[in-house]
């Protein structure tokens, strides 16, 4: 009799089976909104930047090289980095557009 009442009391106090997965689900949602979603947004912005580049744009590569696009090819850019010096880089190597300084515009 004692075992039966103990079993009933224990069964009444146990949480539903889905409740043990609730913290894991909560962490998954937090992980998505703090890490995955912003990274996807940044990737889409970078892809649209790459598609919009054209000859004459001043760019900065991921390795820090500054230059001007002289030719846009299918998967690469031809970039002038100095007088009579051109390099061909992959499109994914472009980190962004070069920020224009007022000093560059004066010279």
N, C-alpha and C. Protein backbone atom coordinates (compact mmCIF):
# COMPACT_ATOMS: atom_id res chain seq x y z
N UNK A 1 0.81 -1.19 0.00
CA UNK A 1 0.00 0.00 0.00
C UNK A 1 0.86 1.26 0.00
N UNK A 2 1.94 1.21 0.76
CA UNK A 2 2.83 2.37 0.83
C UNK A 2 3.50 2.60 -0.52
N UNK A 3 3.89 1.52 -1.17
CA UNK A 3 4.53 1.67 -2.47
C UNK A 3 3.58 2.28 -3.50
N UNK A 4 2.32 1.92 -3.45
CA UNK A 4 1.34 2.45 -4.39
C UNK A 4 1.14 3.95 -4.19
N UNK A 5 1.01 4.40 -2.95
CA UNK A 5 0.81 5.82 -2.70
C UNK A 5 2.07 6.62 -3.06
N UNK A 6 3.24 6.05 -2.83
CA UNK A 6 4.49 6.72 -3.20
C UNK A 6 4.61 6.84 -4.72
N UNK A 7 4.23 5.81 -5.43
CA UNK A 7 4.28 5.81 -6.90
C UNK A 7 3.29 6.82 -7.46
N UNK A 8 2.09 6.92 -6.87
CA UNK A 8 1.11 7.88 -7.36
C UNK A 8 1.57 9.32 -7.09
N UNK A 9 2.17 9.55 -5.92
CA UNK A 9 2.66 10.88 -5.59
C UNK A 9 3.81 11.28 -6.51
N UNK A 10 4.66 10.32 -6.82
CA UNK A 10 5.79 10.61 -7.70
C UNK A 10 5.31 10.86 -9.12
N UNK A 11 4.33 10.11 -9.59
CA UNK A 11 3.79 10.27 -10.94
C UNK A 11 3.08 11.61 -11.08
N UNK A 12 2.44 12.08 -10.04
CA UNK A 12 1.71 13.35 -10.12
C UNK A 12 2.67 14.53 -10.18
N UNK A 13 3.89 14.39 -9.66
CA UNK A 13 4.84 15.50 -9.64
C UNK A 13 5.80 15.53 -10.80
N UNK A 14 5.76 14.57 -11.69
CA UNK A 14 6.70 14.57 -12.81
C UNK A 14 6.21 15.51 -13.90
N UNK A 15 7.13 16.24 -14.51
CA UNK A 15 6.74 17.14 -15.60
C UNK A 15 6.42 16.35 -16.86
N UNK A 16 5.72 16.96 -17.78
CA UNK A 16 5.42 16.27 -19.04
C UNK A 16 6.72 16.00 -19.81
N UNK A 17 6.71 15.01 -20.68
CA UNK A 17 7.95 14.64 -21.39
C UNK A 17 8.53 15.77 -22.24
N UNK A 18 7.71 16.62 -22.82
CA UNK A 18 8.23 17.71 -23.66
C UNK A 18 8.96 18.76 -22.83
N UNK A 19 8.69 18.83 -21.54
CA UNK A 19 9.29 19.86 -20.69
C UNK A 19 10.79 19.67 -20.53
N UNK A 20 11.27 18.45 -20.66
CA UNK A 20 12.71 18.24 -20.51
C UNK A 20 13.47 18.75 -21.73
N UNK A 21 12.79 18.91 -22.85
CA UNK A 21 13.43 19.43 -24.07
C UNK A 21 13.25 20.94 -24.23
N UNK A 22 12.47 21.55 -23.40
CA UNK A 22 12.19 22.99 -23.50
C UNK A 22 13.47 23.84 -23.37
N UNK A 23 14.36 23.58 -22.41
CA UNK A 23 15.58 24.39 -22.34
C UNK A 23 16.46 24.25 -23.58
N UNK A 24 16.53 23.05 -24.14
CA UNK A 24 17.32 22.84 -25.35
C UNK A 24 16.70 23.60 -26.53
N UNK A 25 15.40 23.58 -26.64
CA UNK A 25 14.70 24.32 -27.69
C UNK A 25 14.92 25.83 -27.51
N UNK A 26 14.84 26.29 -26.28
CA UNK A 26 15.07 27.70 -25.99
C UNK A 26 16.49 28.12 -26.38
N UNK A 27 17.48 27.31 -26.07
CA UNK A 27 18.87 27.61 -26.45
C UNK A 27 19.04 27.61 -27.97
N UNK A 28 18.35 26.71 -28.64
CA UNK A 28 18.41 26.67 -30.10
C UNK A 28 17.85 27.94 -30.73
N UNK A 29 16.75 28.44 -30.18
CA UNK A 29 16.15 29.68 -30.69
C UNK A 29 17.07 30.87 -30.44
N UNK A 30 17.64 30.95 -29.26
CA UNK A 30 18.58 32.02 -28.94
C UNK A 30 19.80 31.95 -29.86
N UNK A 31 20.33 30.75 -30.09
CA UNK A 31 21.49 30.55 -30.97
C UNK A 31 21.16 31.04 -32.38
N UNK A 32 19.95 30.75 -32.86
CA UNK A 32 19.56 31.16 -34.21
C UNK A 32 19.53 32.68 -34.32
N UNK A 33 18.89 33.35 -33.37
CA UNK A 33 18.73 34.80 -33.48
C UNK A 33 20.01 35.58 -33.17
N UNK A 34 20.92 35.03 -32.40
CA UNK A 34 22.15 35.75 -32.07
C UNK A 34 23.31 35.44 -33.02
N UNK A 35 23.32 34.26 -33.63
CA UNK A 35 24.46 33.88 -34.46
C UNK A 35 24.12 33.61 -35.92
N UNK A 36 23.18 32.76 -36.16
CA UNK A 36 22.92 32.31 -37.53
C UNK A 36 22.26 33.39 -38.38
N UNK A 37 21.21 34.01 -37.88
CA UNK A 37 20.47 35.00 -38.65
C UNK A 37 21.32 36.22 -39.03
N UNK A 38 22.08 36.82 -38.09
CA UNK A 38 22.93 37.96 -38.49
C UNK A 38 24.00 37.57 -39.52
N UNK A 39 24.53 36.36 -39.41
CA UNK A 39 25.54 35.93 -40.36
C UNK A 39 24.94 35.75 -41.76
N UNK A 40 23.72 35.24 -41.85
CA UNK A 40 23.06 35.11 -43.14
C UNK A 40 22.78 36.48 -43.75
N UNK A 41 22.38 37.43 -42.93
CA UNK A 41 22.12 38.78 -43.42
C UNK A 41 23.39 39.42 -43.95
N UNK A 42 24.50 39.24 -43.23
CA UNK A 42 25.77 39.81 -43.66
C UNK A 42 26.22 39.17 -44.98
N UNK A 43 26.02 37.87 -45.13
CA UNK A 43 26.41 37.19 -46.36
C UNK A 43 25.60 37.71 -47.56
N UNK A 44 24.31 37.93 -47.36
CA UNK A 44 23.47 38.45 -48.44
C UNK A 44 23.90 39.86 -48.83
N UNK A 45 24.23 40.69 -47.85
CA UNK A 45 24.70 42.04 -48.14
C UNK A 45 26.01 42.01 -48.93
N UNK A 46 26.91 41.10 -48.57
CA UNK A 46 28.19 40.99 -49.27
C UNK A 46 27.98 40.51 -50.71
N UNK A 47 27.07 39.55 -50.91
CA UNK A 47 26.78 39.07 -52.25
C UNK A 47 26.20 40.18 -53.12
N UNK A 48 25.33 41.01 -52.56
CA UNK A 48 24.76 42.11 -53.35
C UNK A 48 25.83 43.16 -53.65
N UNK A 49 26.77 43.37 -52.73
CA UNK A 49 27.88 44.29 -52.99
C UNK A 49 28.72 43.78 -54.14
N UNK A 50 29.04 42.51 -54.16
CA UNK A 50 29.86 41.91 -55.22
C UNK A 50 29.16 42.04 -56.57
N UNK A 51 27.85 41.77 -56.60
CA UNK A 51 27.11 41.86 -57.87
C UNK A 51 27.05 43.28 -58.40
N UNK A 52 27.11 44.27 -57.51
CA UNK A 52 26.99 45.66 -57.92
C UNK A 52 28.30 46.32 -58.29
N UNK A 53 29.42 45.64 -58.14
CA UNK A 53 30.71 46.26 -58.46
C UNK A 53 30.89 46.38 -59.97
N UNK A 54 31.54 47.47 -60.37
CA UNK A 54 31.78 47.72 -61.79
C UNK A 54 33.15 48.36 -61.95
N UNK A 55 33.58 48.51 -63.17
CA UNK A 55 34.88 49.13 -63.45
C UNK A 55 34.90 50.55 -62.90
N UNK A 56 36.02 50.90 -62.26
CA UNK A 56 36.17 52.22 -61.69
C UNK A 56 35.88 52.28 -60.20
N UNK A 57 35.30 51.24 -59.62
CA UNK A 57 35.03 51.22 -58.18
C UNK A 57 36.32 51.00 -57.40
N UNK A 58 36.47 51.74 -56.31
CA UNK A 58 37.62 51.57 -55.43
C UNK A 58 37.26 50.52 -54.39
N UNK A 59 38.08 49.47 -54.28
CA UNK A 59 37.78 48.36 -53.39
C UNK A 59 38.93 48.10 -52.42
N UNK A 60 38.62 47.31 -51.41
CA UNK A 60 39.61 46.78 -50.49
C UNK A 60 39.42 45.27 -50.46
N UNK A 61 40.52 44.53 -50.63
CA UNK A 61 40.42 43.07 -50.59
C UNK A 61 40.47 42.59 -49.15
N UNK A 62 40.17 41.32 -48.95
CA UNK A 62 40.21 40.75 -47.61
C UNK A 62 41.62 40.71 -47.04
N UNK A 63 42.63 40.79 -47.89
CA UNK A 63 44.01 40.83 -47.41
C UNK A 63 44.51 42.25 -47.21
N UNK A 64 43.65 43.24 -47.48
CA UNK A 64 44.01 44.63 -47.21
C UNK A 64 44.57 45.40 -48.39
N UNK A 65 44.53 44.84 -49.57
CA UNK A 65 45.04 45.53 -50.76
C UNK A 65 43.97 46.49 -51.27
N UNK A 66 44.35 47.74 -51.48
CA UNK A 66 43.46 48.76 -52.02
C UNK A 66 43.72 48.90 -53.52
N UNK A 67 42.65 49.02 -54.28
CA UNK A 67 42.82 49.17 -55.72
C UNK A 67 41.54 49.61 -56.40
N UNK A 68 41.64 49.77 -57.71
CA UNK A 68 40.52 50.19 -58.54
C UNK A 68 40.22 49.09 -59.54
N UNK A 69 38.98 48.71 -59.65
CA UNK A 69 38.59 47.67 -60.60
C UNK A 69 38.72 48.23 -62.01
N UNK A 70 39.44 47.49 -62.86
CA UNK A 70 39.58 47.92 -64.25
C UNK A 70 38.81 47.03 -65.21
N UNK A 71 38.52 45.79 -64.78
CA UNK A 71 37.79 44.87 -65.64
C UNK A 71 37.02 43.88 -64.77
N UNK A 72 35.78 43.67 -65.10
CA UNK A 72 34.93 42.71 -64.38
C UNK A 72 34.77 41.48 -65.26
N UNK A 73 35.21 40.33 -64.74
CA UNK A 73 35.06 39.08 -65.47
C UNK A 73 34.00 38.23 -64.79
N UNK A 74 33.85 37.00 -65.26
CA UNK A 74 32.79 36.12 -64.75
C UNK A 74 32.95 35.84 -63.26
N UNK A 75 34.13 35.43 -62.82
CA UNK A 75 34.35 35.12 -61.42
C UNK A 75 35.50 35.92 -60.80
N UNK A 76 36.11 36.78 -61.56
CA UNK A 76 37.26 37.53 -61.06
C UNK A 76 37.16 39.01 -61.43
N UNK A 77 38.00 39.79 -60.79
CA UNK A 77 38.16 41.21 -61.12
C UNK A 77 39.62 41.45 -61.47
N UNK A 78 39.86 42.35 -62.40
CA UNK A 78 41.21 42.83 -62.68
C UNK A 78 41.32 44.16 -61.94
N UNK A 79 42.28 44.25 -61.01
CA UNK A 79 42.37 45.40 -60.12
C UNK A 79 43.71 46.08 -60.31
N UNK A 80 43.67 47.41 -60.51
CA UNK A 80 44.91 48.20 -60.60
C UNK A 80 45.26 48.66 -59.20
N UNK A 81 46.46 48.26 -58.73
CA UNK A 81 46.88 48.61 -57.38
C UNK A 81 47.97 49.68 -57.38
N UNK A 82 48.60 49.89 -58.51
CA UNK A 82 49.61 50.95 -58.67
C UNK A 82 49.72 51.24 -60.17
N UNK A 83 50.49 52.23 -60.51
CA UNK A 83 50.69 52.58 -61.92
C UNK A 83 51.32 51.39 -62.65
N UNK A 84 50.69 50.92 -63.71
CA UNK A 84 51.14 49.78 -64.51
C UNK A 84 51.22 48.47 -63.72
N UNK A 85 50.50 48.36 -62.62
CA UNK A 85 50.47 47.12 -61.84
C UNK A 85 49.01 46.69 -61.68
N UNK A 86 48.67 45.56 -62.29
CA UNK A 86 47.31 45.03 -62.20
C UNK A 86 47.38 43.59 -61.70
N UNK A 87 46.42 43.24 -60.86
CA UNK A 87 46.31 41.87 -60.37
C UNK A 87 44.90 41.37 -60.61
N UNK A 88 44.79 40.07 -60.75
CA UNK A 88 43.48 39.47 -60.92
C UNK A 88 43.11 38.77 -59.61
N UNK A 89 41.95 39.11 -59.08
CA UNK A 89 41.51 38.53 -57.81
C UNK A 89 40.15 37.88 -57.97
N UNK A 90 39.86 36.91 -57.13
CA UNK A 90 38.53 36.30 -57.10
C UNK A 90 37.53 37.31 -56.54
N UNK A 91 36.29 37.19 -56.95
CA UNK A 91 35.27 38.10 -56.45
C UNK A 91 35.06 37.97 -54.95
N UNK A 92 35.22 36.76 -54.42
CA UNK A 92 35.00 36.56 -52.98
C UNK A 92 36.10 37.21 -52.14
N UNK A 93 37.21 37.62 -52.77
CA UNK A 93 38.31 38.25 -52.03
C UNK A 93 38.04 39.72 -51.74
N UNK A 94 36.98 40.27 -52.31
CA UNK A 94 36.65 41.68 -52.07
C UNK A 94 35.96 41.79 -50.71
N UNK A 95 36.56 42.61 -49.82
CA UNK A 95 35.98 42.80 -48.50
C UNK A 95 34.95 43.91 -48.51
N UNK A 96 35.16 44.92 -49.33
CA UNK A 96 34.20 46.01 -49.39
C UNK A 96 34.70 47.14 -50.25
N UNK A 97 33.91 48.18 -50.32
CA UNK A 97 34.31 49.38 -51.04
C UNK A 97 35.25 50.20 -50.18
N UNK A 98 36.19 50.86 -50.84
CA UNK A 98 37.12 51.71 -50.11
C UNK A 98 36.40 52.97 -49.67
N UNK A 99 36.58 53.31 -48.41
CA UNK A 99 35.98 54.53 -47.91
C UNK A 99 36.74 55.72 -48.49
N UNK A 100 36.01 56.68 -49.03
CA UNK A 100 36.67 57.84 -49.64
C UNK A 100 37.09 58.83 -48.56
N UNK A 101 38.33 59.26 -48.61
CA UNK A 101 38.86 60.27 -47.71
C UNK A 101 38.87 61.60 -48.43
N UNK A 102 38.75 62.68 -47.70
CA UNK A 102 38.81 64.00 -48.32
C UNK A 102 40.23 64.27 -48.82
N UNK A 103 41.25 63.65 -48.21
CA UNK A 103 42.63 63.81 -48.66
C UNK A 103 42.83 63.21 -50.04
N UNK A 104 42.18 62.04 -50.30
CA UNK A 104 42.32 61.41 -51.61
C UNK A 104 41.68 62.24 -52.70
N UNK A 105 40.58 62.92 -52.39
CA UNK A 105 39.89 63.71 -53.38
C UNK A 105 40.66 64.98 -53.74
N UNK A 106 41.47 65.51 -52.78
CA UNK A 106 42.23 66.72 -53.03
C UNK A 106 43.41 66.46 -53.94
N UNK A 107 44.04 65.30 -53.84
CA UNK A 107 45.26 65.03 -54.63
C UNK A 107 44.98 64.45 -55.98
